[in-house]
Amino acid sequence: MGRDAYRDAGVDIEAGDEVVDRISSHVRSTYRPGVLGDIGGFGGLFSLMGRYRDPVLVSGTDGVGTKLLLAQQLGKHDTIGQDLVAMCVNDVVVCGAEPLFFLDYFATGKLRPAEAERVVAGIAAGCRIAGCALIGGETAEMPGMYAPGHYDLAGFCVGAVERDRIIDATRITAGDVLVGLPSSGPHSNGYSLVRKLVEGLDLAEHHGCGRPLGDALMEPTRIYVKELLALHAADRMLGASHITGGGFTGNVPRMFPPGIGAVMRKGSWPMGPVWELLRERGSLTDAEMWRTFNAGLGMVLTVRPTEADAIARELGGYIVGETVADERGECRID
């Protein structure tokens, strides 16, 4: 074989081919009815197969922020893909939509096939939990764009919902109840602050968290799709808010109609040792906790008062507040 000018420039086509071979079984493990074609095409194909009377497509895109830097620091690449899926599908499902398919973008300066496989395996695992198919993606090797050992991720999800079943907040009124569903940790938000707060700590030590702090911080984002779809199918959920960047104060009001706000009761749910550690390390005020992190609740639902106790019990959640008349539409935590 002669000289390979592209490889000399830093791009290894053979490594890219190896990645495709390595990830093929992971990708196919996510296939569901509606998937057309197979891995390797120019575009991912999906058929709605007459499953919907009047379908509306709902799309979402996101990344995992600087949690990636922690994953790369710890050499833990097998769960960050679930984070990527979760950040997208949890946004789609709060509209009442069933996630149908997912696409990913993986970019790095130097492609390491085994590492890329671990990342995509995590994406596939997240897709299986959410019930959506991984039908496409892009692996980009861009020498000089990223520091050695670093990579970036982005995800894209498309779901569908019947037009007359879209969750649009029109049924929420003052006096409804907020049910919070526990998070699995910081999920994928606030990690620029998290990383600053734990700087200098040995992440292999427990620091009161009951397991290595690095493991607690890398716990993948919880995927709430199946629980929320079941509630929606039974008409037991009036609204839902995925608690991401902006915390409670920035996200809970997004599910309300004009003139409605909420009061959440501090102490009505347990936050857990990770949150207490972060609060103590940063001397964080309540306001900083509520607007930066999910602080122990990854999803907040609005439900009818008659359903609240049962839903909280069934989903292992907590009654954390209620909706109120509020022209400013704010969420207060008292």
Protein backbone atom coordinates (compact mmCIF):
# COMPACT_ATOMS: atom_id res chain seq x y z
CA MET A 1 0.00 0.00 0.00
CA GLY A 2 1.27 3.43 -0.88
CA ARG A 3 1.31 6.58 1.13
CA ASP A 4 -1.99 7.56 2.77
CA ALA A 5 -2.10 11.36 2.65
CA TYR A 6 -5.37 11.61 4.59
CA ARG A 7 -4.00 9.48 7.43
CA ASP A 8 -0.85 11.60 7.43
CA ALA A 9 -3.16 14.61 7.94
CA GLY A 10 -4.65 12.91 11.00
CA VAL A 11 -7.80 11.21 9.66
CA ASP A 12 -7.88 7.41 9.73
CA ILE A 13 -10.55 6.07 7.38
CA GLU A 14 -9.86 2.50 8.45
CA ALA A 15 -10.49 3.45 12.09
CA GLY A 16 -13.83 4.91 11.00
CA ASP A 17 -14.73 1.68 9.23
CA GLU A 18 -13.79 -0.24 12.38
CA VAL A 19 -16.12 1.92 14.44
CA VAL A 20 -19.01 1.11 12.10
CA ASP A 21 -18.27 -2.60 12.43
CA ARG A 22 -18.06 -2.35 16.21
CA ILE A 23 -21.31 -0.43 16.70
CA SER A 24 -23.51 -2.31 14.22
CA SER A 25 -24.86 -4.83 16.74
CA HIS A 26 -25.54 -2.09 19.29
CA VAL A 27 -27.46 -0.04 16.74
CA ARG A 28 -29.54 -2.99 15.53
CA SER A 29 -30.46 -3.85 19.13
CA THR A 30 -32.55 -0.65 19.22
CA TYR A 31 -34.61 -1.34 16.08
CA ARG A 32 -38.37 -1.25 16.48
CA PRO A 33 -41.33 -1.50 14.09
CA GLY A 34 -41.11 1.39 11.66
CA VAL A 35 -37.37 1.21 10.99
CA LEU A 36 -36.56 0.87 7.30
CA GLY A 37 -33.15 0.02 5.92
CA ASP A 38 -30.04 -0.66 7.96
CA ILE A 39 -26.86 0.94 9.24
CA GLY A 40 -24.68 2.53 6.58
CA GLY A 41 -27.23 4.42 4.52
CA PHE A 42 -27.07 8.13 3.76
CA GLY A 43 -30.19 8.78 5.81
CA GLY A 44 -32.19 7.04 8.50
CA LEU A 45 -35.62 5.90 7.34
CA PHE A 46 -38.65 5.47 9.55
CA SER A 47 -42.29 4.76 8.66
CA LEU A 48 -45.23 5.78 10.83
CA MET A 49 -47.06 2.73 9.38
CA GLY A 50 -50.53 4.19 9.81
CA ARG A 51 -50.17 4.08 13.59
CA TYR A 52 -51.55 7.60 13.97
CA ARG A 53 -54.75 9.30 12.83
CA ASP A 54 -53.38 12.85 12.80
CA PRO A 55 -49.73 12.70 13.86
CA VAL A 56 -47.68 15.67 14.93
CA LEU A 57 -43.91 15.18 14.96
CA VAL A 58 -42.07 16.46 18.02
CA SER A 59 -38.31 16.94 17.83
CA GLY A 60 -35.62 17.59 20.40
CA THR A 61 -31.86 18.06 20.41
CA ASP A 62 -29.32 18.38 23.20
CA GLY A 63 -25.87 17.46 24.45
CA VAL A 64 -24.50 16.51 27.86
CA GLY A 65 -22.49 19.64 28.61
CA THR A 66 -19.26 19.49 30.57
CA LYS A 67 -20.22 16.16 32.12
CA LEU A 68 -18.23 14.96 29.11
CA LEU A 69 -15.06 16.34 30.69
CA LEU A 70 -15.71 14.34 33.83
CA ALA A 71 -16.33 11.20 31.78
CA GLN A 72 -13.04 11.73 29.97
CA GLN A 73 -11.21 12.49 33.23
CA LEU A 74 -12.48 9.24 34.78
CA GLY A 75 -12.17 7.19 31.59
CA LYS A 76 -15.86 6.24 31.97
CA HIS A 77 -17.38 6.21 28.50
CA ASP A 78 -20.09 3.56 28.81
CA THR A 79 -22.93 5.61 30.33
CA ILE A 80 -22.53 9.09 28.86
CA GLY A 81 -24.53 7.92 25.84
CA GLN A 82 -27.56 7.25 28.03
CA ASP A 83 -27.24 10.82 29.29
CA LEU A 84 -27.37 12.02 25.69
CA VAL A 85 -30.52 10.07 24.89
CA ALA A 86 -32.20 11.05 28.15
CA MET A 87 -31.70 14.76 27.63
CA CYS A 88 -33.55 14.55 24.32
CA VAL A 89 -36.30 11.98 24.95
CA ASN A 90 -37.28 13.49 28.31
CA ASP A 91 -37.94 16.78 26.51
CA VAL A 92 -40.00 15.11 23.82
CA VAL A 93 -42.15 13.03 26.15
CA VAL A 94 -43.35 16.01 28.21
CA CYS A 95 -45.25 17.07 25.09
CA GLY A 96 -47.07 13.73 25.17
CA ALA A 97 -45.02 12.32 22.29
CA GLU A 98 -43.65 8.81 21.98
CA PRO A 99 -39.95 8.97 20.99
CA LEU A 100 -39.60 7.11 17.69
CA PHE A 101 -36.02 7.46 16.57
CA PHE A 102 -32.71 8.98 17.54
CA LEU A 103 -29.57 10.20 15.79
CA ASP A 104 -26.20 10.96 17.34
CA TYR A 105 -23.13 13.03 16.48
CA PHE A 106 -19.74 11.96 17.83
CA ALA A 107 -16.74 14.18 17.08
CA THR A 108 -13.14 13.79 18.18
CA GLY A 109 -9.65 14.81 17.24
CA LYS A 110 -8.30 11.25 17.14
CA LEU A 111 -10.69 8.36 16.68
CA ARG A 112 -10.25 5.47 19.10
CA PRO A 113 -12.62 2.71 17.93
CA ALA A 114 -12.98 0.90 21.27
CA GLU A 115 -13.80 4.15 23.06
CA ALA A 116 -16.31 5.17 20.37
CA GLU A 117 -17.97 1.77 20.66
CA ARG A 118 -18.44 2.21 24.40
CA VAL A 119 -20.06 5.61 23.86
CA VAL A 120 -22.43 4.29 21.17
CA ALA A 121 -23.24 1.24 23.29
CA GLY A 122 -24.44 3.67 25.97
CA ILE A 123 -26.52 5.53 23.41
CA ALA A 124 -28.08 2.24 22.31
CA ALA A 125 -28.83 1.32 25.93
CA GLY A 126 -30.60 4.64 26.41
CA CYS A 127 -32.60 4.12 23.23
CA ARG A 128 -33.73 0.69 24.41
CA ILE A 129 -34.91 2.16 27.73
CA ALA A 130 -36.81 4.90 25.88
CA GLY A 131 -38.18 2.52 23.23
CA CYS A 132 -36.77 4.53 20.32
CA ALA A 133 -34.57 3.36 17.46
CA LEU A 134 -31.05 4.57 16.79
CA ILE A 135 -31.33 4.92 13.03
CA GLY A 136 -28.46 7.21 12.12
CA GLY A 137 -25.51 9.24 13.23
CA GLU A 138 -22.20 10.78 12.33
CA THR A 139 -18.70 9.98 13.51
CA ALA A 140 -16.30 12.82 12.75
CA GLU A 141 -12.54 12.76 13.16
CA MET A 142 -11.22 16.33 13.15
CA PRO A 143 -7.54 16.63 14.09
CA GLY A 144 -6.71 19.93 15.71
CA MET A 145 -10.31 20.66 16.68
CA TYR A 146 -10.25 18.86 20.04
CA ALA A 147 -7.62 18.38 22.72
CA PRO A 148 -6.04 14.91 22.89
CA GLY A 149 -8.39 12.42 24.51
CA HIS A 150 -11.45 14.65 24.13
CA TYR A 151 -14.63 14.17 22.15
CA ASP A 152 -18.00 15.88 21.84
CA LEU A 153 -21.54 14.53 21.58
CA ALA A 154 -24.89 15.79 20.32
CA GLY A 155 -28.19 13.98 20.02
CA PHE A 156 -31.38 14.41 18.04
CA CYS A 157 -34.75 12.75 18.72
CA VAL A 158 -38.05 12.69 16.84
CA GLY A 159 -41.30 11.54 18.40
CA ALA A 160 -44.97 11.61 17.46
CA VAL A 161 -48.25 12.39 19.18
CA GLU A 162 -51.84 12.65 18.00
CA ARG A 163 -52.71 16.29 17.46
CA ASP A 164 -55.60 16.15 19.94
CA ARG A 165 -53.35 14.48 22.55
CA ILE A 166 -50.59 17.10 22.68
CA ILE A 167 -49.89 18.20 26.26
CA ASP A 168 -50.18 21.97 25.96
CA ALA A 169 -50.99 23.10 29.53
CA THR A 170 -54.48 24.31 28.68
CA ARG A 171 -56.07 22.10 31.35
CA ILE A 172 -53.88 23.25 34.25
CA THR A 173 -55.61 25.52 36.79
CA ALA A 174 -54.86 26.83 40.27
CA GLY A 175 -55.19 24.09 42.88
CA ASP A 176 -53.65 21.27 40.88
CA VAL A 177 -50.88 19.27 42.54
CA LEU A 178 -47.18 18.95 41.72
CA VAL A 179 -45.62 15.50 41.94
CA GLY A 180 -41.83 15.29 41.76
CA LEU A 181 -40.09 12.20 40.40
CA PRO A 182 -36.63 11.47 41.81
CA SER A 183 -33.56 12.12 39.74
CA SER A 184 -30.63 9.72 39.61
CA GLY A 185 -28.22 12.53 40.48
CA PRO A 186 -27.20 15.79 38.82
CA HIS A 187 -28.20 14.24 35.47
CA SER A 188 -26.45 16.33 32.79
CA ASN A 189 -26.79 19.89 34.02
CA GLY A 190 -24.71 22.21 36.15
CA TYR A 191 -21.47 20.29 35.65
CA SER A 192 -19.37 23.40 35.10
CA LEU A 193 -20.22 24.27 38.69
CA VAL A 194 -20.07 20.63 39.87
CA ARG A 195 -16.56 20.21 38.51
CA LYS A 196 -15.44 23.43 40.18
CA LEU A 197 -16.92 22.36 43.52
CA VAL A 198 -15.27 18.93 43.56
CA GLU A 199 -11.91 20.17 42.31
CA GLY A 200 -9.15 18.77 44.49
CA LEU A 201 -11.28 15.93 45.90
CA ASP A 202 -10.28 12.31 45.32
CA LEU A 203 -13.19 11.07 43.21
CA ALA A 204 -12.42 7.47 44.19
CA GLU A 205 -13.33 8.30 47.80
CA HIS A 206 -16.94 8.27 49.04
CA HIS A 207 -17.10 11.69 50.74
CA GLY A 208 -20.31 10.63 52.50
CA CYS A 209 -22.06 9.53 49.29
CA GLY A 210 -22.03 5.80 50.01
CA ARG A 211 -19.95 5.03 46.93
CA PRO A 212 -17.08 6.64 45.02
CA LEU A 213 -17.93 10.26 44.34
CA GLY A 214 -16.93 9.86 40.69
CA ASP A 215 -19.50 7.07 40.28
CA ALA A 216 -22.21 9.16 41.93
CA LEU A 217 -21.51 12.10 39.64
CA MET A 218 -21.42 9.88 36.54
CA GLU A 219 -24.72 8.12 37.32
CA PRO A 220 -26.61 8.38 34.02
CA THR A 221 -29.62 10.61 33.59
CA ARG A 222 -32.89 8.87 34.38
CA ILE A 223 -35.18 8.27 31.42
CA TYR A 224 -38.85 8.89 32.30
CA VAL A 225 -40.44 7.96 28.97
CA LYS A 226 -42.34 4.79 29.84
CA GLU A 227 -43.78 6.16 33.08
CA LEU A 228 -44.98 9.40 31.49
CA LEU A 229 -46.42 7.72 28.40
CA ALA A 230 -48.42 5.37 30.62
CA LEU A 231 -49.80 8.29 32.64
CA HIS A 232 -50.64 10.19 29.48
CA ALA A 233 -52.37 7.21 27.88
CA ALA A 234 -54.59 6.95 30.97
CA ASP A 235 -55.24 10.73 30.98
CA ARG A 236 -53.72 11.07 34.46
CA MET A 237 -51.20 13.85 33.73
CA LEU A 238 -52.02 17.50 33.02
CA GLY A 239 -48.47 18.68 32.42
CA ALA A 240 -44.83 17.77 32.91
CA SER A 241 -41.57 19.64 33.21
CA HIS A 242 -38.13 18.14 32.61
CA ILE A 243 -35.82 19.75 35.17
CA THR A 244 -32.68 20.65 33.25
CA GLY A 245 -30.60 23.85 33.02
CA GLY A 246 -32.39 26.55 34.98
CA GLY A 247 -33.54 24.20 37.71
CA PHE A 248 -37.02 24.50 39.21
CA THR A 249 -37.40 28.24 38.79
CA GLY A 250 -36.55 28.09 35.10
CA ASN A 251 -38.35 24.91 34.08
CA VAL A 252 -41.46 24.29 36.19
CA PRO A 253 -43.25 27.42 34.83
CA ARG A 254 -42.74 26.20 31.25
CA MET A 255 -45.64 23.76 31.61
CA PHE A 256 -48.15 26.34 32.85
CA PRO A 257 -50.63 28.52 30.94
CA PRO A 258 -50.56 32.30 31.46
CA GLY A 259 -51.71 33.37 34.91
CA ILE A 260 -50.62 30.16 36.66
CA GLY A 261 -47.55 29.71 38.83
CA ALA A 262 -46.52 27.26 41.52
CA VAL A 263 -45.38 26.97 45.09
CA MET A 264 -43.03 24.09 45.89
CA ARG A 265 -42.46 23.15 49.51
CA LYS A 266 -38.85 22.96 50.60
CA GLY A 267 -38.15 19.69 52.42
CA SER A 268 -41.02 17.78 50.81
CA TRP A 269 -38.54 15.53 49.00
CA PRO A 270 -35.14 14.12 49.98
CA MET A 271 -32.20 15.56 48.05
CA GLY A 272 -29.54 13.03 49.03
CA PRO A 273 -25.87 13.17 49.99
CA VAL A 274 -24.47 14.32 46.63
CA TRP A 275 -26.53 17.49 46.81
CA GLU A 276 -25.56 18.13 50.41
CA LEU A 277 -21.90 17.73 49.51
CA LEU A 278 -22.18 20.19 46.61
CA ARG A 279 -24.13 22.68 48.71
CA GLU A 280 -21.53 22.53 51.49
CA ARG A 281 -18.53 22.73 49.14
CA GLY A 282 -19.89 25.83 47.43
CA SER A 283 -21.72 27.42 50.37
CA LEU A 284 -24.65 27.52 47.96
CA THR A 285 -27.85 29.33 48.88
CA ASP A 286 -31.25 27.77 48.33
CA ALA A 287 -31.81 30.10 45.40
CA GLU A 288 -28.58 28.92 43.76
CA MET A 289 -29.56 25.28 44.24
CA TRP A 290 -33.08 25.75 42.83
CA ARG A 291 -32.00 27.63 39.69
CA THR A 292 -28.90 25.56 38.85
CA PHE A 293 -29.62 21.90 39.61
CA ASN A 294 -32.49 19.43 39.63
CA ALA A 295 -31.73 19.09 43.38
CA GLY A 296 -33.14 15.56 43.52
CA LEU A 297 -36.17 15.83 41.20
CA GLY A 298 -35.61 15.18 37.50
CA MET A 299 -39.25 15.55 36.47
CA VAL A 300 -42.12 17.52 37.98
CA LEU A 301 -45.69 16.61 36.99
CA THR A 302 -48.92 18.53 37.34
CA VAL A 303 -51.81 16.21 38.20
CA ARG A 304 -55.34 16.42 39.52
CA PRO A 305 -55.64 16.56 43.32
CA THR A 306 -57.64 13.32 43.33
CA GLU A 307 -54.81 11.49 41.54
CA ALA A 308 -51.81 12.94 43.31
CA ASP A 309 -51.36 10.46 46.16
CA ALA A 310 -51.78 7.42 43.92
CA ILE A 311 -49.39 8.70 41.23
CA ALA A 312 -46.74 9.62 43.78
CA ARG A 313 -47.03 6.18 45.35
CA GLU A 314 -46.97 4.29 42.03
CA LEU A 315 -43.94 6.14 40.67
CA GLY A 316 -41.97 6.48 43.90
CA GLY A 317 -42.40 10.24 43.78
CA TYR A 318 -43.33 13.00 46.19
CA ILE A 319 -46.07 15.57 46.48
CA VAL A 320 -43.96 18.72 46.35
CA GLY A 321 -46.37 21.60 45.86
CA GLU A 322 -49.36 23.01 44.04
CA THR A 323 -50.31 25.43 41.30
CA VAL A 324 -51.51 28.91 42.22
CA ALA A 325 -52.91 31.94 40.47
CA ASP A 326 -49.90 34.10 39.58
CA GLU A 327 -49.81 36.72 36.87
CA ARG A 328 -46.03 36.47 36.71
CA GLY A 329 -46.17 32.70 36.27
CA GLU A 330 -43.31 32.00 38.65
CA CYS A 331 -42.30 28.96 40.65
CA ARG A 332 -41.48 29.72 44.31
CA ILE A 333 -39.86 27.28 46.71
CA ASP A 334 -40.95 28.12 50.27
